[in-house]
C-alpha atoms as a PDB file:
ATOM      1  CA  UNK A   1      75.718 110.448 130.878  1.00  0.00           C
ATOM      2  CA  UNK A   2      79.076 110.719 129.146  1.00  0.00           C
ATOM      3  CA  UNK A   3      80.370 113.327 126.728  1.00  0.00           C
ATOM      4  CA  UNK A   4      80.226 110.908 123.806  1.00  0.00           C
ATOM      5  CA  UNK A   5      76.720 109.570 124.387  1.00  0.00           C
ATOM      6  CA  UNK A   6      75.302 111.644 121.549  1.00  0.00           C
ATOM      7  CA  UNK A   7      77.395 109.517 119.166  1.00  0.00           C
ATOM      8  CA  UNK A   8      76.282 106.104 120.495  1.00  0.00           C
ATOM      9  CA  UNK A   9      73.038 105.808 118.557  1.00  0.00           C
ATOM     10  CA  UNK A  10      74.490 106.940 115.219  1.00  0.00           C
ATOM     11  CA  UNK A  11      77.549 104.686 115.531  1.00  0.00           C
ATOM     12  CA  UNK A  12      75.607 101.709 116.801  1.00  0.00           C
ATOM     13  CA  UNK A  13      72.972 102.143 114.087  1.00  0.00           C
ATOM     14  CA  UNK A  14      75.727 102.324 111.499  1.00  0.00           C
ATOM     15  CA  UNK A  15      77.248  99.035 112.673  1.00  0.00           C
ATOM     16  CA  UNK A  16      73.828  97.369 113.133  1.00  0.00           C
ATOM     17  CA  UNK A  17      72.659  98.414 109.633  1.00  0.00           C
ATOM     18  CA  UNK A  18      75.721  96.939 107.964  1.00  0.00           C
ATOM     19  CA  UNK A  19      75.401  93.705 109.976  1.00  0.00           C
ATOM     20  CA  UNK A  20      71.691  93.486 109.206  1.00  0.00           C
ATOM     21  CA  UNK A  21      72.342  93.904 105.474  1.00  0.00           C
ATOM     22  CA  UNK A  22      75.145  91.316 105.489  1.00  0.00           C
ATOM     23  CA  UNK A  23      72.893  88.819 107.250  1.00  0.00           C
ATOM     24  CA  UNK A  24      69.973  89.562 104.925  1.00  0.00           C
ATOM     25  CA  UNK A  25      72.100  89.022 101.830  1.00  0.00           C
ATOM     26  CA  UNK A  26      73.519  85.787 103.203  1.00  0.00           C
ATOM     27  CA  UNK A  27      70.012  84.539 104.019  1.00  0.00           C
ATOM     28  CA  UNK A  28      68.883  85.197 100.424  1.00  0.00           C
ATOM     29  CA  UNK A  29      71.260  82.459  99.177  1.00  0.00           C
ATOM     30  CA  UNK A  30      72.016  84.541  96.107  1.00  0.00           C
ATOM     31  CA  UNK A  31      73.742  82.914  93.182  1.00  0.00           C
ATOM     32  CA  UNK A  32      77.298  83.858  92.179  1.00  0.00           C
ATOM     33  CA  UNK A  33      75.805  85.662  89.205  1.00  0.00           C
ATOM     34  CA  UNK A  34      73.416  87.667  91.369  1.00  0.00           C
ATOM     35  CA  UNK A  35      76.250  88.624  93.715  1.00  0.00           C
ATOM     36  CA  UNK A  36      78.125  90.168  90.785  1.00  0.00           C
ATOM     37  CA  UNK A  37      75.200  92.274  89.524  1.00  0.00           C
ATOM     38  CA  UNK A  38      75.860  95.976  89.748  1.00  0.00           C
ATOM     39  CA  UNK A  39      73.659  99.000  89.162  1.00  0.00           C
ATOM     40  CA  UNK A  40      74.132 102.411  87.649  1.00  0.00           C
ATOM     41  CA  UNK A  41      76.290 104.419  90.004  1.00  0.00           C
ATOM     42  CA  UNK A  42      77.060 101.559  92.342  1.00  0.00           C
ATOM     43  CA  UNK A  43      80.456 100.609  93.712  1.00  0.00           C
ATOM     44  CA  UNK A  44      80.306  97.018  92.535  1.00  0.00           C
ATOM     45  CA  UNK A  45      78.473  93.809  93.201  1.00  0.00           C
ATOM     46  CA  UNK A  46      76.878  92.975  96.538  1.00  0.00           C
ATOM     47  CA  UNK A  47      79.837  91.269  98.243  1.00  0.00           C
ATOM     48  CA  UNK A  48      82.320  93.769  96.824  1.00  0.00           C
ATOM     49  CA  UNK A  49      80.256  96.666  98.081  1.00  0.00           C
ATOM     50  CA  UNK A  50      79.734  95.167 101.548  1.00  0.00           C
ATOM     51  CA  UNK A  51      83.482  94.453 101.715  1.00  0.00           C
ATOM     52  CA  UNK A  52      84.173  98.056 100.762  1.00  0.00           C
ATOM     53  CA  UNK A  53      81.826  99.302 103.529  1.00  0.00           C
ATOM     54  CA  UNK A  54      83.370  97.119 106.216  1.00  0.00           C
ATOM     55  CA  UNK A  55      87.003  97.762 105.263  1.00  0.00           C
ATOM     56  CA  UNK A  56      86.523 101.517 104.915  1.00  0.00           C
ATOM     57  CA  UNK A  57      84.774 101.666 108.255  1.00  0.00           C
ATOM     58  CA  UNK A  58      87.698  99.806 109.773  1.00  0.00           C
ATOM     59  CA  UNK A  59      90.147 102.114 108.055  1.00  0.00           C
ATOM     60  CA  UNK A  60      88.516 105.238 109.415  1.00  0.00           C
ATOM     61  CA  UNK A  61      88.146 103.677 112.838  1.00  0.00           C
ATOM     62  CA  UNK A  62      91.696 102.447 113.243  1.00  0.00           C
ATOM     63  CA  UNK A  63      92.960 105.914 112.527  1.00  0.00           C
ATOM     64  CA  UNK A  64      90.671 107.763 114.911  1.00  0.00           C
ATOM     65  CA  UNK A  65      90.887 105.119 117.664  1.00  0.00           C
ATOM     66  CA  UNK A  66      94.606 104.436 117.074  1.00  0.00           C
ATOM     67  CA  UNK A  67      93.945 100.705 117.317  1.00  0.00           C
ATOM     68  CA  UNK A  68      94.890  97.989 114.828  1.00  0.00           C
ATOM     69  CA  UNK A  69      92.200  96.389 112.710  1.00  0.00           C
ATOM     70  CA  UNK A  70      94.093  93.843 110.620  1.00  0.00           C
ATOM     71  CA  UNK A  71      91.201  92.952 108.406  1.00  0.00           C
ATOM     72  CA  UNK A  72      91.450  96.333 106.689  1.00  0.00           C
ATOM     73  CA  UNK A  73      94.618  95.213 104.902  1.00  0.00           C
ATOM     74  CA  UNK A  74      93.739  91.556 104.713  1.00  0.00           C
ATOM     75  CA  UNK A  75      94.192  89.766 101.390  1.00  0.00           C
ATOM     76  CA  UNK A  76      91.285  87.468 102.239  1.00  0.00           C
ATOM     77  CA  UNK A  77      88.447  87.233  99.743  1.00  0.00           C
ATOM     78  CA  UNK A  78      85.557  87.680 102.160  1.00  0.00           C
ATOM     79  CA  UNK A  79      82.254  85.879 102.277  1.00  0.00           C
ATOM     80  CA  UNK A  80      79.277  87.004 104.305  1.00  0.00           C
ATOM     81  CA  UNK A  81      80.442  85.209 107.463  1.00  0.00           C
ATOM     82  CA  UNK A  82      83.858  86.899 107.356  1.00  0.00           C
ATOM     83  CA  UNK A  83      82.309  90.279 106.640  1.00  0.00           C
ATOM     84  CA  UNK A  84      80.029  89.883 109.641  1.00  0.00           C
ATOM     85  CA  UNK A  85      83.001  88.920 111.824  1.00  0.00           C
ATOM     86  CA  UNK A  86      84.968  91.977 110.677  1.00  0.00           C
ATOM     87  CA  UNK A  87      81.952  94.209 111.227  1.00  0.00           C
ATOM     88  CA  UNK A  88      81.572  92.818 114.760  1.00  0.00           C
ATOM     89  CA  UNK A  89      85.261  93.411 115.381  1.00  0.00           C
ATOM     90  CA  UNK A  90      84.893  97.014 114.331  1.00  0.00           C
ATOM     91  CA  UNK A  91      81.815  97.318 116.548  1.00  0.00           C
ATOM     92  CA  UNK A  92      83.865  96.377 119.575  1.00  0.00           C
ATOM     93  CA  UNK A  93      86.496  99.007 118.724  1.00  0.00           C
ATOM     94  CA  UNK A  94      83.803 101.633 118.129  1.00  0.00           C
ATOM     95  CA  UNK A  95      82.417 100.907 121.631  1.00  0.00           C
ATOM     96  CA  UNK A  96      85.874 101.238 123.184  1.00  0.00           C
ATOM     97  CA  UNK A  97      86.428 104.480 121.238  1.00  0.00           C
ATOM     98  CA  UNK A  98      83.125 105.907 122.503  1.00  0.00           C
ATOM     99  CA  UNK A  99      84.025 105.016 126.090  1.00  0.00           C
ATOM    100  CA  UNK A 100      87.140 107.192 126.027  1.00  0.00           C
ATOM    101  CA  UNK A 101      87.620 110.871 125.562  1.00  0.00           C
ATOM    102  CA  UNK A 102      87.107 112.042 121.971  1.00  0.00           C
ATOM    103  CA  UNK A 103      88.680 115.209 120.701  1.00  0.00           C
ATOM    104  CA  UNK A 104      86.729 115.946 117.479  1.00  0.00           C
ATOM    105  CA  UNK A 105      89.287 118.666 116.633  1.00  0.00           C
ATOM    106  CA  UNK A 106      92.302 116.338 116.734  1.00  0.00           C
ATOM    107  CA  UNK A 107      94.022 116.415 113.373  1.00  0.00           C
ATOM    108  CA  UNK A 108      94.876 113.283 111.410  1.00  0.00           C
ATOM    109  CA  UNK A 109      96.924 113.101 108.276  1.00  0.00           C
ATOM    110  CA  UNK A 110      95.233 111.780 105.126  1.00  0.00           C
ATOM    111  CA  UNK A 111      96.037 111.274 101.480  1.00  0.00           C
ATOM    112  CA  UNK A 112      99.619 110.100 102.009  1.00  0.00           C
ATOM    113  CA  UNK A 113     100.289 112.887 104.513  1.00  0.00           C
ATOM    114  CA  UNK A 114      99.361 115.656 102.050  1.00  0.00           C
ATOM    115  CA  UNK A 115      96.243 116.794 103.970  1.00  0.00           C
ATOM    116  CA  UNK A 116      94.942 117.047 107.491  1.00  0.00           C
ATOM    117  CA  UNK A 117      91.431 116.367 108.662  1.00  0.00           C
ATOM    118  CA  UNK A 118      89.637 116.472 112.004  1.00  0.00           C
ATOM    119  CA  UNK A 119      88.488 113.346 113.883  1.00  0.00           C
ATOM    120  CA  UNK A 120      84.935 114.724 113.755  1.00  0.00           C
ATOM    121  CA  UNK A 121      85.038 114.591 109.974  1.00  0.00           C
ATOM    122  CA  UNK A 122      86.270 110.960 110.046  1.00  0.00           C
ATOM    123  CA  UNK A 123      83.251 110.061 112.219  1.00  0.00           C
ATOM    124  CA  UNK A 124      80.876 111.882 109.867  1.00  0.00           C
ATOM    125  CA  UNK A 125      82.477 110.245 106.826  1.00  0.00           C
ATOM    126  CA  UNK A 126      82.274 106.749 108.377  1.00  0.00           C
ATOM    127  CA  UNK A 127      78.530 107.123 108.839  1.00  0.00           C
ATOM    128  CA  UNK A 128      77.814 108.846 105.546  1.00  0.00           C
ATOM    129  CA  UNK A 129      80.007 106.470 103.512  1.00  0.00           C
ATOM    130  CA  UNK A 130      78.352 103.345 104.911  1.00  0.00           C
ATOM    131  CA  UNK A 131      74.834 104.756 104.384  1.00  0.00           C
ATOM    132  CA  UNK A 132      75.672 105.642 100.798  1.00  0.00           C
ATOM    133  CA  UNK A 133      76.953 102.183  99.884  1.00  0.00           C
ATOM    134  CA  UNK A 134      74.328 100.264 101.854  1.00  0.00           C
ATOM    135  CA  UNK A 135      71.723 102.036  99.720  1.00  0.00           C
ATOM    136  CA  UNK A 136      73.571 100.849  96.619  1.00  0.00           C
ATOM    137  CA  UNK A 137      73.314  97.243  97.828  1.00  0.00           C
ATOM    138  CA  UNK A 138      69.610  97.780  98.561  1.00  0.00           C
ATOM    139  CA  UNK A 139      69.174  99.163  95.007  1.00  0.00           C
ATOM    140  CA  UNK A 140      70.861  96.065  93.544  1.00  0.00           C
ATOM    141  CA  UNK A 141      68.568  93.824  95.639  1.00  0.00           C
ATOM    142  CA  UNK A 142      65.537  95.781  94.425  1.00  0.00           C
ATOM    143  CA  UNK A 143      66.741  95.345  90.845  1.00  0.00           C
ATOM    144  CA  UNK A 144      66.888  91.584  91.481  1.00  0.00           C
ATOM    145  CA  UNK A 145      63.256  91.671  92.580  1.00  0.00           C
ATOM    146  CA  UNK A 146      64.156  91.256  96.293  1.00  0.00           C
ATOM    147  CA  UNK A 147      62.738  93.709  98.789  1.00  0.00           C
ATOM    148  CA  UNK A 148      65.722  94.857 100.904  1.00  0.00           C
ATOM    149  CA  UNK A 149      65.551  94.956 104.669  1.00  0.00           C
ATOM    150  CA  UNK A 150      64.509  98.043 106.558  1.00  0.00           C
ATOM    151  CA  UNK A 151      67.838  99.274 107.934  1.00  0.00           C
ATOM    152  CA  UNK A 152      66.959 102.868 108.687  1.00  0.00           C
ATOM    153  CA  UNK A 153      67.450 104.286 112.184  1.00  0.00           C
ATOM    154  CA  UNK A 154      63.783 103.811 113.072  1.00  0.00           C
ATOM    155  CA  UNK A 155      64.060 100.059 112.624  1.00  0.00           C
ATOM    156  CA  UNK A 156      67.245 100.028 114.708  1.00  0.00           C
ATOM    157  CA  UNK A 157      65.324 101.957 117.366  1.00  0.00           C
ATOM    158  CA  UNK A 158      62.557  99.352 117.439  1.00  0.00           C
ATOM    159  CA  UNK A 159      64.998  96.465 117.663  1.00  0.00           C
ATOM    160  CA  UNK A 160      66.979  98.103 120.467  1.00  0.00           C
ATOM    161  CA  UNK A 161      63.967  99.549 122.324  1.00  0.00           C
ATOM    162  CA  UNK A 162      65.085 103.115 121.652  1.00  0.00           C
ATOM    163  CA  UNK A 163      61.517 103.848 120.451  1.00  0.00           C
ATOM    164  CA  UNK A 164      58.292 102.543 121.905  1.00  0.00           C
ATOM    165  CA  UNK A 165      54.558 103.018 121.847  1.00  0.00           C
ATOM    166  CA  UNK A 166      53.093 105.304 124.459  1.00  0.00           C
ATOM    167  CA  UNK A 167      50.029 104.131 126.385  1.00  0.00           C
ATOM    168  CA  UNK A 168      46.704 105.324 124.948  1.00  0.00           C
ATOM    169  CA  UNK A 169      45.087 108.139 126.915  1.00  0.00           C
END
C-alpha cells in the first residue's frame, strides 16, 4: 500500500459522482428551460452548476498537481458530453497525482497571491465543493419531479466492489 491510498476512495468517488450526475442529466433529455431552472441557494441551472463543479475541480487540481488542465480557462460553452470529457481528463490527473508523493503541508498561493493555503486544504475543498454543488443539482432535479441518482459513497462502493455482502452464517 502507498502513502496516498487513503485518498483514493474519496477522490475516485468524487470524480465518479460528478460523472454519474452528468450522465444522468444527459439521459433525462431535459429541455432548455429545465436546464435553466435554479433553486433557492443554488449556484445556477443544471449545466451551469455542473460546469462550475468540473472547472473548479480542475482549477484546484492543476494547482496541487502542477499540471495544465486547459479546460479550466476554456471559453467553450459546455454540453454534457464536453463536461464528461473534462471530468474524465481531471480523473486521469487525479490518479497521476495520487501515484506520486503528496506533501499536504506544501503551501500554495491563493487569492491573487494575497494568501497561502496548504495542499491538504485544496484536496478537502475539492471534495467538499463538488459535494455541495452536486446536491444543488439533485435538488433542482427533485424540484422538476425527477428522482436524482444515488451518488453517495455507498453507491460508488457497490459499483466498484468496495462493499459486498458477506455469506450468511
